[in-house]
Amino acid sequence: QALGALRPGGRLAVITFHSVEDRIVKQFIQHEAKGCICSPEIPVCRCGHTPRLKSIFKKPLTASDQEVNQNPRARSAKLRVAERI
């Protein structure tokens, strides 16, 4: 639903605190950043899927050591950002 609310150039930022949450967000961004999602056995694209997101960071941003010392709960936080194309 977040993609429907974003205009082109808008950014989606998600903070996760658990590895399962992070995996869901990571896979969603990867899926929406891909072009064709057809099976590799099909020589010609039939899905017509076009990328709707562009990942801003290759890896998620995490808290620095100083931040973790001040706020121990920040140790598991990961920030992922993607931009609407």
PDB file of N, CA and C in Angstrom:
ATOM      1  N   GLN A   1       0.815  -1.182   0.000  1.00  0.00           N
ATOM      2  CA  GLN A   1       0.000   0.000   0.000  1.00  0.00           C
ATOM      3  C   GLN A   1       0.864   1.254   0.000  1.00  0.00           C
ATOM      4  N   ALA A   2       2.074   1.142   0.500  1.00  0.00           N
ATOM      5  CA  ALA A   2       2.953   2.308   0.559  1.00  0.00           C
ATOM      6  C   ALA A   2       3.304   2.799  -0.840  1.00  0.00           C
ATOM      7  N   LEU A   3       3.477   1.887  -1.788  1.00  0.00           N
ATOM      8  CA  LEU A   3       3.823   2.294  -3.149  1.00  0.00           C
ATOM      9  C   LEU A   3       2.717   3.121  -3.785  1.00  0.00           C
ATOM     10  N   GLY A   4       1.471   2.814  -3.473  1.00  0.00           N
ATOM     11  CA  GLY A   4       0.365   3.570  -4.022  1.00  0.00           C
ATOM     12  C   GLY A   4       0.329   5.002  -3.518  1.00  0.00           C
ATOM     13  N   ALA A   5       0.856   5.245  -2.350  1.00  0.00           N
ATOM     14  CA  ALA A   5       0.847   6.585  -1.767  1.00  0.00           C
ATOM     15  C   ALA A   5       2.044   7.428  -2.204  1.00  0.00           C
ATOM     16  N   LEU A   6       3.061   6.798  -2.779  1.00  0.00           N
ATOM     17  CA  LEU A   6       4.269   7.528  -3.177  1.00  0.00           C
ATOM     18  C   LEU A   6       4.158   8.094  -4.583  1.00  0.00           C
ATOM     19  N   ARG A   7       4.581   9.320  -4.745  1.00  0.00           N
ATOM     20  CA  ARG A   7       4.704   9.928  -6.064  1.00  0.00           C
ATOM     21  C   ARG A   7       6.073   9.560  -6.622  1.00  0.00           C
ATOM     22  N   PRO A   8       6.269   9.645  -7.925  1.00  0.00           N
ATOM     23  CA  PRO A   8       7.610   9.423  -8.473  1.00  0.00           C
ATOM     24  C   PRO A   8       8.612  10.376  -7.814  1.00  0.00           C
ATOM     25  N   GLY A   9       9.722   9.826  -7.376  1.00  0.00           N
ATOM     26  CA  GLY A   9      10.744  10.598  -6.663  1.00  0.00           C
ATOM     27  C   GLY A   9      10.559  10.547  -5.161  1.00  0.00           C
ATOM     28  N   GLY A  10       9.402  10.056  -4.688  1.00  0.00           N
ATOM     29  CA  GLY A  10       9.158   9.928  -3.251  1.00  0.00           C
ATOM     30  C   GLY A  10       9.985   8.794  -2.674  1.00  0.00           C
ATOM     31  N   ARG A  11      10.313   8.908  -1.416  1.00  0.00           N
ATOM     32  CA  ARG A  11      11.160   7.890  -0.783  1.00  0.00           C
ATOM     33  C   ARG A  11      10.408   7.132   0.295  1.00  0.00           C
ATOM     34  N   LEU A  12      10.650   5.839   0.320  1.00  0.00           N
ATOM     35  CA  LEU A  12      10.077   4.940   1.311  1.00  0.00           C
ATOM     36  C   LEU A  12      11.199   4.570   2.272  1.00  0.00           C
ATOM     37  N   ALA A  13      11.026   4.858   3.554  1.00  0.00           N
ATOM     38  CA  ALA A  13      12.026   4.531   4.573  1.00  0.00           C
ATOM     39  C   ALA A  13      11.369   3.614   5.593  1.00  0.00           C
ATOM     40  N   VAL A  14      12.013   2.473   5.854  1.00  0.00           N
ATOM     41  CA  VAL A  14      11.465   1.487   6.780  1.00  0.00           C
ATOM     42  C   VAL A  14      12.537   1.129   7.802  1.00  0.00           C
ATOM     43  N   ILE A  15      12.174   1.222   9.083  1.00  0.00           N
ATOM     44  CA  ILE A  15      13.064   0.794  10.162  1.00  0.00           C
ATOM     45  C   ILE A  15      12.548  -0.538  10.666  1.00  0.00           C
ATOM     46  N   THR A  16      13.433  -1.536  10.702  1.00  0.00           N
ATOM     47  CA  THR A  16      13.064  -2.851  11.223  1.00  0.00           C
ATOM     48  C   THR A  16      13.883  -3.132  12.476  1.00  0.00           C
ATOM     49  N   PHE A  17      13.304  -3.934  13.358  1.00  0.00           N
ATOM     50  CA  PHE A  17      13.975  -4.276  14.610  1.00  0.00           C
ATOM     51  C   PHE A  17      14.187  -5.777  14.765  1.00  0.00           C
ATOM     52  N   HIS A  18      13.735  -6.561  13.787  1.00  0.00           N
ATOM     53  CA  HIS A  18      13.846  -8.006  13.871  1.00  0.00           C
ATOM     54  C   HIS A  18      14.259  -8.533  12.500  1.00  0.00           C
ATOM     55  N   SER A  19      15.013  -9.627  12.472  1.00  0.00           N
ATOM     56  CA  SER A  19      15.531 -10.146  11.209  1.00  0.00           C
ATOM     57  C   SER A  19      14.423 -10.585  10.259  1.00  0.00           C
ATOM     58  N   VAL A  20      13.321 -11.102  10.787  1.00  0.00           N
ATOM     59  CA  VAL A  20      12.215 -11.527   9.924  1.00  0.00           C
ATOM     60  C   VAL A  20      11.583 -10.309   9.247  1.00  0.00           C
ATOM     61  N   GLU A  21      11.402  -9.240   9.997  1.00  0.00           N
ATOM     62  CA  GLU A  21      10.871  -8.004   9.415  1.00  0.00           C
ATOM     63  C   GLU A  21      11.806  -7.489   8.329  1.00  0.00           C
ATOM     64  N   ASP A  22      13.104  -7.503   8.618  1.00  0.00           N
ATOM     65  CA  ASP A  22      14.088  -6.988   7.676  1.00  0.00           C
ATOM     66  C   ASP A  22      14.088  -7.808   6.393  1.00  0.00           C
ATOM     67  N   ARG A  23      13.951  -9.112   6.504  1.00  0.00           N
ATOM     68  CA  ARG A  23      13.934  -9.982   5.327  1.00  0.00           C
ATOM     69  C   ARG A  23      12.729  -9.646   4.442  1.00  0.00           C
ATOM     70  N   ILE A  24      11.574  -9.400   5.049  1.00  0.00           N
ATOM     71  CA  ILE A  24      10.370  -9.065   4.285  1.00  0.00           C
ATOM     72  C   ILE A  24      10.567  -7.759   3.525  1.00  0.00           C
ATOM     73  N   VAL A  25      11.096  -6.749   4.205  1.00  0.00           N
ATOM     74  CA  VAL A  25      11.319  -5.448   3.572  1.00  0.00           C
ATOM     75  C   VAL A  25      12.367  -5.559   2.467  1.00  0.00           C
ATOM     76  N   LYS A  26      13.449  -6.279   2.727  1.00  0.00           N
ATOM     77  CA  LYS A  26      14.512  -6.452   1.744  1.00  0.00           C
ATOM     78  C   LYS A  26      13.981  -7.135   0.488  1.00  0.00           C
ATOM     79  N   GLN A  27      13.231  -8.210   0.651  1.00  0.00           N
ATOM     80  CA  GLN A  27      12.695  -8.934  -0.499  1.00  0.00           C
ATOM     81  C   GLN A  27      11.687  -8.092  -1.272  1.00  0.00           C
ATOM     82  N   PHE A  28      10.885  -7.305  -0.566  1.00  0.00           N
ATOM     83  CA  PHE A  28       9.923  -6.428  -1.234  1.00  0.00           C
ATOM     84  C   PHE A  28      10.644  -5.400  -2.096  1.00  0.00           C
ATOM     85  N   ILE A  29      11.649  -4.756  -1.546  1.00  0.00           N
ATOM     86  CA  ILE A  29      12.392  -3.744  -2.305  1.00  0.00           C
ATOM     87  C   ILE A  29      13.093  -4.383  -3.498  1.00  0.00           C
ATOM     88  N   GLN A  30      13.701  -5.547  -3.308  1.00  0.00           N
ATOM     89  CA  GLN A  30      14.374  -6.235  -4.412  1.00  0.00           C
ATOM     90  C   GLN A  30      13.386  -6.608  -5.513  1.00  0.00           C
ATOM     91  N   HIS A  31      12.213  -7.107  -5.128  1.00  0.00           N
ATOM     92  CA  HIS A  31      11.201  -7.511  -6.104  1.00  0.00           C
ATOM     93  C   HIS A  31      10.706  -6.308  -6.909  1.00  0.00           C
ATOM     94  N   GLU A  32      10.471  -5.196  -6.241  1.00  0.00           N
ATOM     95  CA  GLU A  32       9.962  -4.009  -6.924  1.00  0.00           C
ATOM     96  C   GLU A  32      11.045  -3.276  -7.701  1.00  0.00           C
ATOM     97  N   ALA A  33      12.310  -3.577  -7.443  1.00  0.00           N
ATOM     98  CA  ALA A  33      13.409  -2.952  -8.182  1.00  0.00           C
ATOM     99  C   ALA A  33      13.781  -3.742  -9.427  1.00  0.00           C
ATOM    100  N   LYS A  34      13.288  -4.979  -9.537  1.00  0.00           N
ATOM    101  CA  LYS A  34      13.590  -5.818 -10.694  1.00  0.00           C
ATOM    102  C   LYS A  34      12.730  -5.416 -11.878  1.00  0.00           C
ATOM    103  N   GLY A  35      13.242  -5.714 -13.068  1.00  0.00           N
ATOM    104  CA  GLY A  35      12.454  -5.535 -14.272  1.00  0.00           C
ATOM    105  C   GLY A  35      11.582  -6.770 -14.468  1.00  0.00           C
ATOM    106  N   CYS A  36      12.002  -7.644 -15.321  1.00  0.00           N
ATOM    107  CA  CYS A  36      11.248  -8.857 -15.639  1.00  0.00           C
ATOM    108  C   CYS A  36      11.338  -9.859 -14.493  1.00  0.00           C
ATOM    109  N   ILE A  37      10.194 -10.463 -14.155  1.00  0.00           N
ATOM    110  CA  ILE A  37      10.177 -11.487 -13.108  1.00  0.00           C
ATOM    111  C   ILE A  37       9.759 -12.844 -13.674  1.00  0.00           C
ATOM    112  N   CYS A  38       9.854 -12.976 -14.998  1.00  0.00           N
ATOM    113  CA  CYS A  38       9.516 -14.252 -15.650  1.00  0.00           C
ATOM    114  C   CYS A  38      10.557 -15.309 -15.293  1.00  0.00           C
ATOM    115  N   SER A  39      10.175 -16.551 -15.477  1.00  0.00           N
ATOM    116  CA  SER A  39      11.076 -17.671 -15.255  1.00  0.00           C
ATOM    117  C   SER A  39      12.236 -17.598 -16.247  1.00  0.00           C
ATOM    118  N   PRO A  40      13.443 -17.994 -15.825  1.00  0.00           N
ATOM    119  CA  PRO A  40      14.593 -17.940 -16.745  1.00  0.00           C
ATOM    120  C   PRO A  40      14.443 -18.850 -17.968  1.00  0.00           C
ATOM    121  N   GLU A  41      13.566 -19.860 -17.881  1.00  0.00           N
ATOM    122  CA  GLU A  41      13.367 -20.765 -19.012  1.00  0.00           C
ATOM    123  C   GLU A  41      12.629 -20.089 -20.163  1.00  0.00           C
ATOM    124  N   ILE A  42      11.892 -19.026 -19.890  1.00  0.00           N
ATOM    125  CA  ILE A  42      11.125 -18.334 -20.925  1.00  0.00           C
ATOM    126  C   ILE A  42      12.062 -17.347 -21.617  1.00  0.00           C
ATOM    127  N   PRO A  43      12.273 -17.508 -22.943  1.00  0.00           N
ATOM    128  CA  PRO A  43      13.239 -16.644 -23.632  1.00  0.00           C
ATOM    129  C   PRO A  43      12.772 -15.199 -23.809  1.00  0.00           C
ATOM    130  N   VAL A  44      11.452 -14.974 -23.836  1.00  0.00           N
ATOM    131  CA  VAL A  44      10.913 -13.628 -24.056  1.00  0.00           C
ATOM    132  C   VAL A  44      10.054 -13.245 -22.855  1.00  0.00           C
ATOM    133  N   CYS A  45      10.186 -12.028 -22.410  1.00  0.00           N
ATOM    134  CA  CYS A  45       9.418 -11.558 -21.262  1.00  0.00           C
ATOM    135  C   CYS A  45       7.930 -11.509 -21.598  1.00  0.00           C
ATOM    136  N   ARG A  46       7.131 -12.113 -20.721  1.00  0.00           N
ATOM    137  CA  ARG A  46       5.689 -12.089 -20.909  1.00  0.00           C
ATOM    138  C   ARG A  46       4.981 -11.413 -19.732  1.00  0.00           C
ATOM    139  N   CYS A  47       5.730 -11.100 -18.695  1.00  0.00           N
ATOM    140  CA  CYS A  47       5.092 -10.545 -17.502  1.00  0.00           C
ATOM    141  C   CYS A  47       4.830  -9.048 -17.626  1.00  0.00           C
ATOM    142  N   GLY A  48       5.678  -8.339 -18.356  1.00  0.00           N
ATOM    143  CA  GLY A  48       5.504  -6.898 -18.501  1.00  0.00           C
ATOM    144  C   GLY A  48       5.800  -6.123 -17.230  1.00  0.00           C
ATOM    145  N   HIS A  49       6.471  -6.746 -16.277  1.00  0.00           N
ATOM    146  CA  HIS A  49       6.784  -6.098 -14.999  1.00  0.00           C
ATOM    147  C   HIS A  49       7.879  -5.054 -15.207  1.00  0.00           C
ATOM    148  N   THR A  50       7.645  -3.868 -14.736  1.00  0.00           N
ATOM    149  CA  THR A  50       8.651  -2.816 -14.810  1.00  0.00           C
ATOM    150  C   THR A  50       9.046  -2.427 -13.391  1.00  0.00           C
ATOM    151  N   PRO A  51      10.290  -2.021 -13.186  1.00  0.00           N
ATOM    152  CA  PRO A  51      10.707  -1.634 -11.834  1.00  0.00           C
ATOM    153  C   PRO A  51       9.938  -0.411 -11.345  1.00  0.00           C
ATOM    154  N   ARG A  52       9.526  -0.441 -10.076  1.00  0.00           N
ATOM    155  CA  ARG A  52       8.809   0.690  -9.492  1.00  0.00           C
ATOM    156  C   ARG A  52       9.618   1.372  -8.396  1.00  0.00           C
ATOM    157  N   LEU A  53      10.666   0.703  -7.917  1.00  0.00           N
ATOM    158  CA  LEU A  53      11.510   1.259  -6.857  1.00  0.00           C
ATOM    159  C   LEU A  53      12.971   1.170  -7.250  1.00  0.00           C
ATOM    160  N   LYS A  54      13.764   2.056  -6.646  1.00  0.00           N
ATOM    161  CA  LYS A  54      15.216   1.996  -6.785  1.00  0.00           C
ATOM    162  C   LYS A  54      15.782   2.055  -5.373  1.00  0.00           C
ATOM    163  N   SER A  55      16.572   1.070  -5.004  1.00  0.00           N
ATOM    164  CA  SER A  55      17.156   1.041  -3.665  1.00  0.00           C
ATOM    165  C   SER A  55      18.202   2.144  -3.545  1.00  0.00           C
ATOM    166  N   ILE A  56      18.166   2.884  -2.443  1.00  0.00           N
ATOM    167  CA  ILE A  56      19.096   3.993  -2.240  1.00  0.00           C
ATOM    168  C   ILE A  56      20.428   3.497  -1.685  1.00  0.00           C
ATOM    169  N   PHE A  57      20.379   2.579  -0.733  1.00  0.00           N
ATOM    170  CA  PHE A  57      21.591   2.027  -0.125  1.00  0.00           C
ATOM    171  C   PHE A  57      21.707   0.555  -0.477  1.00  0.00           C
ATOM    172  N   LYS A  58      22.928   0.111  -0.738  1.00  0.00           N
ATOM    173  CA  LYS A  58      23.145  -1.299  -1.042  1.00  0.00           C
ATOM    174  C   LYS A  58      22.899  -2.156   0.202  1.00  0.00           C
ATOM    175  N   LYS A  59      23.348  -1.670   1.337  1.00  0.00           N
ATOM    176  CA  LYS A  59      23.152  -2.369   2.615  1.00  0.00           C
ATOM    177  C   LYS A  59      22.353  -1.457   3.543  1.00  0.00           C
ATOM    178  N   PRO A  60      21.676  -2.041   4.518  1.00  0.00           N
ATOM    179  CA  PRO A  60      20.892  -1.192   5.424  1.00  0.00           C
ATOM    180  C   PRO A  60      21.789  -0.358   6.336  1.00  0.00           C
ATOM    181  N   LEU A  61      21.273   0.792   6.744  1.00  0.00           N
ATOM    182  CA  LEU A  61      21.991   1.614   7.709  1.00  0.00           C
ATOM    183  C   LEU A  61      21.715   1.080   9.104  1.00  0.00           C
ATOM    184  N   THR A  62      22.758   1.003   9.921  1.00  0.00           N
ATOM    185  CA  THR A  62      22.616   0.531  11.293  1.00  0.00           C
ATOM    186  C   THR A  62      23.175   1.587  12.245  1.00  0.00           C
ATOM    187  N   ALA A  63      22.862   1.410  13.509  1.00  0.00           N
ATOM    188  CA  ALA A  63      23.316   2.368  14.523  1.00  0.00           C
ATOM    189  C   ALA A  63      24.828   2.271  14.714  1.00  0.00           C
ATOM    190  N   SER A  64      25.451   3.407  14.983  1.00  0.00           N
ATOM    191  CA  SER A  64      26.888   3.435  15.250  1.00  0.00           C
ATOM    192  C   SER A  64      27.155   2.899  16.657  1.00  0.00           C
ATOM    193  N   ASP A  65      28.405   2.633  16.969  1.00  0.00           N
ATOM    194  CA  ASP A  65      28.770   2.146  18.305  1.00  0.00           C
ATOM    195  C   ASP A  65      28.400   3.167  19.374  1.00  0.00           C
ATOM    196  N   GLN A  66      28.587   4.442  19.058  1.00  0.00           N
ATOM    197  CA  GLN A  66      28.236   5.495  20.013  1.00  0.00           C
ATOM    198  C   GLN A  66      26.727   5.498  20.284  1.00  0.00           C
ATOM    199  N   GLU A  67      25.934   5.352  19.247  1.00  0.00           N
ATOM    200  CA  GLU A  67      24.473   5.312  19.404  1.00  0.00           C
ATOM    201  C   GLU A  67      24.049   4.106  20.241  1.00  0.00           C
ATOM    202  N   VAL A  68      24.681   2.951  19.999  1.00  0.00           N
ATOM    203  CA  VAL A  68      24.337   1.740  20.752  1.00  0.00           C
ATOM    204  C   VAL A  68      24.719   1.900  22.219  1.00  0.00           C
ATOM    205  N   ASN A  69      25.838   2.574  22.497  1.00  0.00           N
ATOM    206  CA  ASN A  69      26.227   2.827  23.891  1.00  0.00           C
ATOM    207  C   ASN A  69      25.203   3.706  24.596  1.00  0.00           C
ATOM    208  N   GLN A  70      24.666   4.696  23.894  1.00  0.00           N
ATOM    209  CA  GLN A  70      23.672   5.585  24.482  1.00  0.00           C
ATOM    210  C   GLN A  70      22.285   4.950  24.531  1.00  0.00           C
ATOM    211  N   ASN A  71      21.971   4.115  23.539  1.00  0.00           N
ATOM    212  CA  ASN A  71      20.659   3.503  23.428  1.00  0.00           C
ATOM    213  C   ASN A  71      20.819   2.039  23.010  1.00  0.00           C
ATOM    214  N   PRO A  72      20.932   1.109  23.958  1.00  0.00           N
ATOM    215  CA  PRO A  72      21.177  -0.292  23.627  1.00  0.00           C
ATOM    216  C   PRO A  72      20.110  -0.926  22.731  1.00  0.00           C
ATOM    217  N   ARG A  73      18.902  -0.415  22.755  1.00  0.00           N
ATOM    218  CA  ARG A  73      17.841  -0.987  21.919  1.00  0.00           C
ATOM    219  C   ARG A  73      18.068  -0.719  20.430  1.00  0.00           C
ATOM    220  N   ALA A  74      18.925   0.226  20.123  1.00  0.00           N
ATOM    221  CA  ALA A  74      19.196   0.575  18.721  1.00  0.00           C
ATOM    222  C   ALA A  74      20.095  -0.444  18.032  1.00  0.00           C
ATOM    223  N   ARG A  75      20.654  -1.392  18.769  1.00  0.00           N
ATOM    224  CA  ARG A  75      21.611  -2.321  18.182  1.00  0.00           C
ATOM    225  C   ARG A  75      21.007  -3.187  17.087  1.00  0.00           C
ATOM    226  N   SER A  76      19.713  -3.471  17.172  1.00  0.00           N
ATOM    227  CA  SER A  76      19.095  -4.333  16.169  1.00  0.00           C
ATOM    228  C   SER A  76      18.351  -3.552  15.080  1.00  0.00           C
ATOM    229  N   ALA A  77      18.315  -2.247  15.161  1.00  0.00           N
ATOM    230  CA  ALA A  77      17.571  -1.444  14.185  1.00  0.00           C
ATOM    231  C   ALA A  77      18.322  -1.362  12.857  1.00  0.00           C
ATOM    232  N   LYS A  78      17.563  -1.512  11.762  1.00  0.00           N
ATOM    233  CA  LYS A  78      18.114  -1.382  10.417  1.00  0.00           C
ATOM    234  C   LYS A  78      17.186  -0.487   9.616  1.00  0.00           C
ATOM    235  N   LEU A  79      17.786   0.427   8.862  1.00  0.00           N
ATOM    236  CA  LEU A  79      17.018   1.349   8.030  1.00  0.00           C
ATOM    237  C   LEU A  79      17.257   1.019   6.569  1.00  0.00           C
ATOM    238  N   ARG A  80      16.167   0.802   5.840  1.00  0.00           N
ATOM    239  CA  ARG A  80      16.240   0.568   4.386  1.00  0.00           C
ATOM    240  C   ARG A  80      15.442   1.680   3.709  1.00  0.00           C
ATOM    241  N   VAL A  81      16.011   2.228   2.627  1.00  0.00           N
ATOM    242  CA  VAL A  81      15.376   3.332   1.910  1.00  0.00           C
ATOM    243  C   VAL A  81      15.325   3.002   0.428  1.00  0.00           C
ATOM    244  N   ALA A  82      14.172   3.277  -0.187  1.00  0.00           N
ATOM    245  CA  ALA A  82      13.991   3.084  -1.621  1.00  0.00           C
ATOM    246  C   ALA A  82      13.257   4.290  -2.185  1.00  0.00           C
ATOM    247  N   GLU A  83      13.518   4.592  -3.450  1.00  0.00           N
ATOM    248  CA  GLU A  83      12.897   5.738  -4.123  1.00  0.00           C
ATOM    249  C   GLU A  83      11.972   5.253  -5.218  1.00  0.00           C
ATOM    250  N   ARG A  84      10.798   5.863  -5.311  1.00  0.00           N
ATOM    251  CA  ARG A  84       9.827   5.525  -6.354  1.00  0.00           C
ATOM    252  C   ARG A  84      10.332   6.045  -7.697  1.00  0.00           C
ATOM    253  N   ILE A  85      10.267   5.223  -8.706  1.00  0.00           N
ATOM    254  CA  ILE A  85      10.738   5.606 -10.048  1.00  0.00           C
ATOM    255  C   ILE A  85       9.577   6.226 -10.808  1.00  0.00           C
TER     256      ILE A  85
END
